[in-house]
């Protein structure tokens, strides 16, 4: 880290501590050349997740938009907002940890379905009906039978 007083590149860290919101680390440094002290802040640098939609348009990943869709699926269901925020966190982490900087909206939808299945089955069916664009009652039956088949296999 370059000293703001003399421009020397060498300094030593005297003290490190997280900031109040735990999103940055505050470091107290001392310049090895002039001996003056200064403070720096270290922040994790993340690249934005770009979502590729069905029509091939691209937009930045929007947590609120995903959470809103999950909230609609869980309307009048016994699912807490904290649980849904954790689901969104997990989806965002999966997208962030993928090797690609661009993630298809289909992949995000599949992640959401996978996680919703364990949270609430009714919410899962609701979300699937919109996400997979069910057109008739048979689509619901097929999805419910897939859900019950996978549950029987896991027992």
C-alpha atoms as a PDB file:
ATOM      1  CA  UNK A   1       0.000   0.000   0.000  1.00  0.00           C
ATOM      2  CA  UNK A   2       1.422   3.343  -1.038  1.00  0.00           C
ATOM      3  CA  UNK A   3       1.942   5.906   1.747  1.00  0.00           C
ATOM      4  CA  UNK A   4      -0.276   8.965   1.177  1.00  0.00           C
ATOM      5  CA  UNK A   5       2.396  11.223   2.729  1.00  0.00           C
ATOM      6  CA  UNK A   6       5.686  10.219   1.081  1.00  0.00           C
ATOM      7  CA  UNK A   7       4.568   7.825  -1.685  1.00  0.00           C
ATOM      8  CA  UNK A   8       6.689   4.899  -0.422  1.00  0.00           C
ATOM      9  CA  UNK A   9       5.180   1.530  -1.343  1.00  0.00           C
ATOM     10  CA  UNK A  10       6.298  -0.323   1.803  1.00  0.00           C
ATOM     11  CA  UNK A  11       4.172  -0.210   4.941  1.00  0.00           C
ATOM     12  CA  UNK A  12       3.326  -2.534   7.774  1.00  0.00           C
ATOM     13  CA  UNK A  13      -0.065  -3.330   9.268  1.00  0.00           C
ATOM     14  CA  UNK A  14      -0.309  -2.293  12.917  1.00  0.00           C
ATOM     15  CA  UNK A  15      -3.962  -3.142  13.580  1.00  0.00           C
ATOM     16  CA  UNK A  16      -6.801  -4.856  11.679  1.00  0.00           C
ATOM     17  CA  UNK A  17     -10.446  -5.033  12.616  1.00  0.00           C
ATOM     18  CA  UNK A  18     -13.775  -5.467  10.844  1.00  0.00           C
ATOM     19  CA  UNK A  19     -15.999  -2.431  10.420  1.00  0.00           C
ATOM     20  CA  UNK A  20     -19.395  -2.226  12.112  1.00  0.00           C
ATOM     21  CA  UNK A  21     -21.244  -3.819   9.197  1.00  0.00           C
ATOM     22  CA  UNK A  22     -18.572  -6.546   8.707  1.00  0.00           C
ATOM     23  CA  UNK A  23     -18.363  -5.770   5.005  1.00  0.00           C
ATOM     24  CA  UNK A  24     -14.918  -4.154   5.168  1.00  0.00           C
ATOM     25  CA  UNK A  25     -11.719  -4.512   7.155  1.00  0.00           C
ATOM     26  CA  UNK A  26     -10.119  -1.412   8.623  1.00  0.00           C
ATOM     27  CA  UNK A  27      -6.330  -1.548   8.672  1.00  0.00           C
ATOM     28  CA  UNK A  28      -4.030   0.847  10.511  1.00  0.00           C
ATOM     29  CA  UNK A  29      -0.691   1.044   8.697  1.00  0.00           C
ATOM     30  CA  UNK A  30       2.694   2.590   9.338  1.00  0.00           C
ATOM     31  CA  UNK A  31       4.966   3.714   6.513  1.00  0.00           C
ATOM     32  CA  UNK A  32       8.389   2.072   6.752  1.00  0.00           C
ATOM     33  CA  UNK A  33      10.068   5.126   5.167  1.00  0.00           C
ATOM     34  CA  UNK A  34       8.570   8.160   6.966  1.00  0.00           C
ATOM     35  CA  UNK A  35       7.001   6.413   9.967  1.00  0.00           C
ATOM     36  CA  UNK A  36       3.627   8.160   9.584  1.00  0.00           C
ATOM     37  CA  UNK A  37       0.439   6.234  10.135  1.00  0.00           C
ATOM     38  CA  UNK A  38      -2.634   5.991   7.933  1.00  0.00           C
ATOM     39  CA  UNK A  39      -5.819   3.951   7.633  1.00  0.00           C
ATOM     40  CA  UNK A  40      -6.939   1.780   4.717  1.00  0.00           C
ATOM     41  CA  UNK A  41     -10.102  -0.221   4.149  1.00  0.00           C
ATOM     42  CA  UNK A  42     -10.150  -3.607   2.474  1.00  0.00           C
ATOM     43  CA  UNK A  43     -13.304  -4.622   0.590  1.00  0.00           C
ATOM     44  CA  UNK A  44     -14.105  -7.853  -1.213  1.00  0.00           C
ATOM     45  CA  UNK A  45     -14.331  -7.178  -4.906  1.00  0.00           C
ATOM     46  CA  UNK A  46     -17.115  -9.056  -6.619  1.00  0.00           C
ATOM     47  CA  UNK A  47     -17.914  -9.122 -10.284  1.00  0.00           C
ATOM     48  CA  UNK A  48     -21.559  -8.524 -11.097  1.00  0.00           C
ATOM     49  CA  UNK A  49     -23.626 -11.535 -12.106  1.00  0.00           C
ATOM     50  CA  UNK A  50     -25.209 -11.043 -15.504  1.00  0.00           C
ATOM     51  CA  UNK A  51     -28.464 -12.885 -16.153  1.00  0.00           C
ATOM     52  CA  UNK A  52     -29.139 -13.985 -19.731  1.00  0.00           C
ATOM     53  CA  UNK A  53     -32.883 -14.029 -20.253  1.00  0.00           C
ATOM     54  CA  UNK A  54     -34.883 -16.251 -22.629  1.00  0.00           C
ATOM     55  CA  UNK A  55     -34.944 -13.529 -25.291  1.00  0.00           C
ATOM     56  CA  UNK A  56     -31.106 -13.340 -25.050  1.00  0.00           C
ATOM     57  CA  UNK A  57     -31.201  -9.910 -23.406  1.00  0.00           C
ATOM     58  CA  UNK A  58     -28.895  -9.384 -20.445  1.00  0.00           C
ATOM     59  CA  UNK A  59     -29.402  -7.679 -17.119  1.00  0.00           C
ATOM     60  CA  UNK A  60     -27.677  -7.528 -13.759  1.00  0.00           C
ATOM     61  CA  UNK A  61     -28.735 -10.103 -11.166  1.00  0.00           C
ATOM     62  CA  UNK A  62     -31.448  -8.570  -9.008  1.00  0.00           C
ATOM     63  CA  UNK A  63     -31.931 -10.128  -5.562  1.00  0.00           C
ATOM     64  CA  UNK A  64     -35.138  -8.189  -4.956  1.00  0.00           C
ATOM     65  CA  UNK A  65     -36.710  -9.444  -8.168  1.00  0.00           C
ATOM     66  CA  UNK A  66     -35.950 -13.068  -7.248  1.00  0.00           C
ATOM     67  CA  UNK A  67     -37.136 -12.564  -3.671  1.00  0.00           C
ATOM     68  CA  UNK A  68     -40.343 -11.000  -4.962  1.00  0.00           C
ATOM     69  CA  UNK A  69     -41.049 -14.065  -7.122  1.00  0.00           C
ATOM     70  CA  UNK A  70     -40.384 -16.389  -4.200  1.00  0.00           C
ATOM     71  CA  UNK A  71     -42.632 -14.293  -1.945  1.00  0.00           C
ATOM     72  CA  UNK A  72     -45.477 -14.578  -4.458  1.00  0.00           C
ATOM     73  CA  UNK A  73     -45.036 -18.360  -4.549  1.00  0.00           C
ATOM     74  CA  UNK A  74     -45.056 -18.495  -0.731  1.00  0.00           C
ATOM     75  CA  UNK A  75     -48.012 -16.173  -0.266  1.00  0.00           C
ATOM     76  CA  UNK A  76     -50.225 -17.404   2.598  1.00  0.00           C
ATOM     77  CA  UNK A  77     -47.763 -20.228   3.317  1.00  0.00           C
ATOM     78  CA  UNK A  78     -45.881 -20.761   6.596  1.00  0.00           C
ATOM     79  CA  UNK A  79     -42.519 -19.684   5.167  1.00  0.00           C
ATOM     80  CA  UNK A  80     -40.582 -16.897   6.876  1.00  0.00           C
ATOM     81  CA  UNK A  81     -38.921 -14.065   5.006  1.00  0.00           C
ATOM     82  CA  UNK A  82     -35.628 -15.119   6.636  1.00  0.00           C
ATOM     83  CA  UNK A  83     -35.933 -18.552   5.018  1.00  0.00           C
ATOM     84  CA  UNK A  84     -36.553 -16.986   1.617  1.00  0.00           C
ATOM     85  CA  UNK A  85     -33.623 -14.602   2.049  1.00  0.00           C
ATOM     86  CA  UNK A  86     -31.413 -17.621   2.773  1.00  0.00           C
ATOM     87  CA  UNK A  87     -32.700 -19.273  -0.410  1.00  0.00           C
ATOM     88  CA  UNK A  88     -31.834 -16.124  -2.387  1.00  0.00           C
ATOM     89  CA  UNK A  89     -28.398 -16.056  -0.708  1.00  0.00           C
ATOM     90  CA  UNK A  90     -27.789 -19.658  -1.768  1.00  0.00           C
ATOM     91  CA  UNK A  91     -28.901 -18.982  -5.345  1.00  0.00           C
ATOM     92  CA  UNK A  92     -26.703 -15.891  -5.552  1.00  0.00           C
ATOM     93  CA  UNK A  93     -23.736 -17.814  -4.114  1.00  0.00           C
ATOM     94  CA  UNK A  94     -24.179 -20.602  -6.677  1.00  0.00           C
ATOM     95  CA  UNK A  95     -24.312 -18.081  -9.493  1.00  0.00           C
ATOM     96  CA  UNK A  96     -21.299 -16.208  -8.086  1.00  0.00           C
ATOM     97  CA  UNK A  97     -19.309 -19.437  -7.689  1.00  0.00           C
ATOM     98  CA  UNK A  98     -19.962 -20.654 -11.210  1.00  0.00           C
ATOM     99  CA  UNK A  99     -17.063 -20.223 -13.593  1.00  0.00           C
ATOM    100  CA  UNK A 100     -19.193 -18.166 -15.962  1.00  0.00           C
ATOM    101  CA  UNK A 101     -19.931 -14.505 -15.311  1.00  0.00           C
ATOM    102  CA  UNK A 102     -23.197 -14.923 -17.185  1.00  0.00           C
ATOM    103  CA  UNK A 103     -25.914 -17.207 -15.850  1.00  0.00           C
ATOM    104  CA  UNK A 104     -29.098 -18.044 -17.713  1.00  0.00           C
ATOM    105  CA  UNK A 105     -32.421 -17.183 -16.143  1.00  0.00           C
ATOM    106  CA  UNK A 106     -33.331 -20.845 -16.683  1.00  0.00           C
ATOM    107  CA  UNK A 107     -30.456 -21.914 -14.433  1.00  0.00           C
ATOM    108  CA  UNK A 108     -31.524 -19.475 -11.719  1.00  0.00           C
ATOM    109  CA  UNK A 109     -35.083 -20.810 -11.979  1.00  0.00           C
ATOM    110  CA  UNK A 110     -33.815 -24.382 -11.594  1.00  0.00           C
ATOM    111  CA  UNK A 111     -31.783 -23.390  -8.530  1.00  0.00           C
ATOM    112  CA  UNK A 112     -34.892 -21.767  -7.045  1.00  0.00           C
ATOM    113  CA  UNK A 113     -37.038 -24.834  -7.704  1.00  0.00           C
ATOM    114  CA  UNK A 114     -34.426 -27.149  -6.233  1.00  0.00           C
ATOM    115  CA  UNK A 115     -34.263 -25.126  -3.005  1.00  0.00           C
ATOM    116  CA  UNK A 116     -38.019 -24.448  -2.779  1.00  0.00           C
ATOM    117  CA  UNK A 117     -38.754 -28.170  -2.981  1.00  0.00           C
ATOM    118  CA  UNK A 118     -37.227 -28.569   0.484  1.00  0.00           C
ATOM    119  CA  UNK A 119     -38.800 -25.402   1.914  1.00  0.00           C
ATOM    120  CA  UNK A 120     -42.471 -25.769   0.950  1.00  0.00           C
ATOM    121  CA  UNK A 121     -44.000 -28.105  -1.618  1.00  0.00           C
ATOM    122  CA  UNK A 122     -47.025 -25.919  -2.343  1.00  0.00           C
ATOM    123  CA  UNK A 123     -44.744 -22.941  -2.983  1.00  0.00           C
ATOM    124  CA  UNK A 124     -42.639 -25.210  -5.186  1.00  0.00           C
ATOM    125  CA  UNK A 125     -45.672 -26.095  -7.349  1.00  0.00           C
ATOM    126  CA  UNK A 126     -46.735 -22.442  -7.533  1.00  0.00           C
ATOM    127  CA  UNK A 127     -43.271 -21.316  -8.586  1.00  0.00           C
ATOM    128  CA  UNK A 128     -42.971 -24.188 -11.084  1.00  0.00           C
ATOM    129  CA  UNK A 129     -46.342 -23.329 -12.620  1.00  0.00           C
ATOM    130  CA  UNK A 130     -45.142 -19.822 -13.473  1.00  0.00           C
ATOM    131  CA  UNK A 131     -41.525 -20.701 -14.223  1.00  0.00           C
ATOM    132  CA  UNK A 132     -42.346 -23.688 -16.453  1.00  0.00           C
ATOM    133  CA  UNK A 133     -45.418 -21.937 -17.882  1.00  0.00           C
ATOM    134  CA  UNK A 134     -48.012 -24.613 -17.160  1.00  0.00           C
ATOM    135  CA  UNK A 135     -50.749 -24.422 -19.747  1.00  0.00           C
ATOM    136  CA  UNK A 136     -53.283 -26.919 -18.418  1.00  0.00           C
ATOM    137  CA  UNK A 137     -54.182 -29.057 -15.424  1.00  0.00           C
ATOM    138  CA  UNK A 138     -52.135 -31.993 -16.741  1.00  0.00           C
ATOM    139  CA  UNK A 139     -48.966 -29.939 -16.305  1.00  0.00           C
ATOM    140  CA  UNK A 140     -49.795 -29.642 -12.602  1.00  0.00           C
ATOM    141  CA  UNK A 141     -50.454 -33.372 -12.305  1.00  0.00           C
ATOM    142  CA  UNK A 142     -47.159 -34.220 -13.993  1.00  0.00           C
ATOM    143  CA  UNK A 143     -45.184 -31.904 -11.708  1.00  0.00           C
ATOM    144  CA  UNK A 144     -46.913 -33.214  -8.590  1.00  0.00           C
ATOM    145  CA  UNK A 145     -46.221 -36.814  -9.620  1.00  0.00           C
ATOM    146  CA  UNK A 146     -42.538 -35.941 -10.200  1.00  0.00           C
ATOM    147  CA  UNK A 147     -42.443 -34.361  -6.770  1.00  0.00           C
ATOM    148  CA  UNK A 148     -44.017 -37.362  -5.046  1.00  0.00           C
ATOM    149  CA  UNK A 149     -41.828 -39.810  -7.007  1.00  0.00           C
ATOM    150  CA  UNK A 150     -38.655 -38.027  -5.939  1.00  0.00           C
ATOM    151  CA  UNK A 151     -39.892 -37.984  -2.339  1.00  0.00           C
ATOM    152  CA  UNK A 152     -40.573 -41.738  -2.394  1.00  0.00           C
ATOM    153  CA  UNK A 153     -37.093 -42.413  -3.797  1.00  0.00           C
ATOM    154  CA  UNK A 154     -35.489 -40.400  -1.005  1.00  0.00           C
ATOM    155  CA  UNK A 155     -37.233 -42.429   1.722  1.00  0.00           C
END
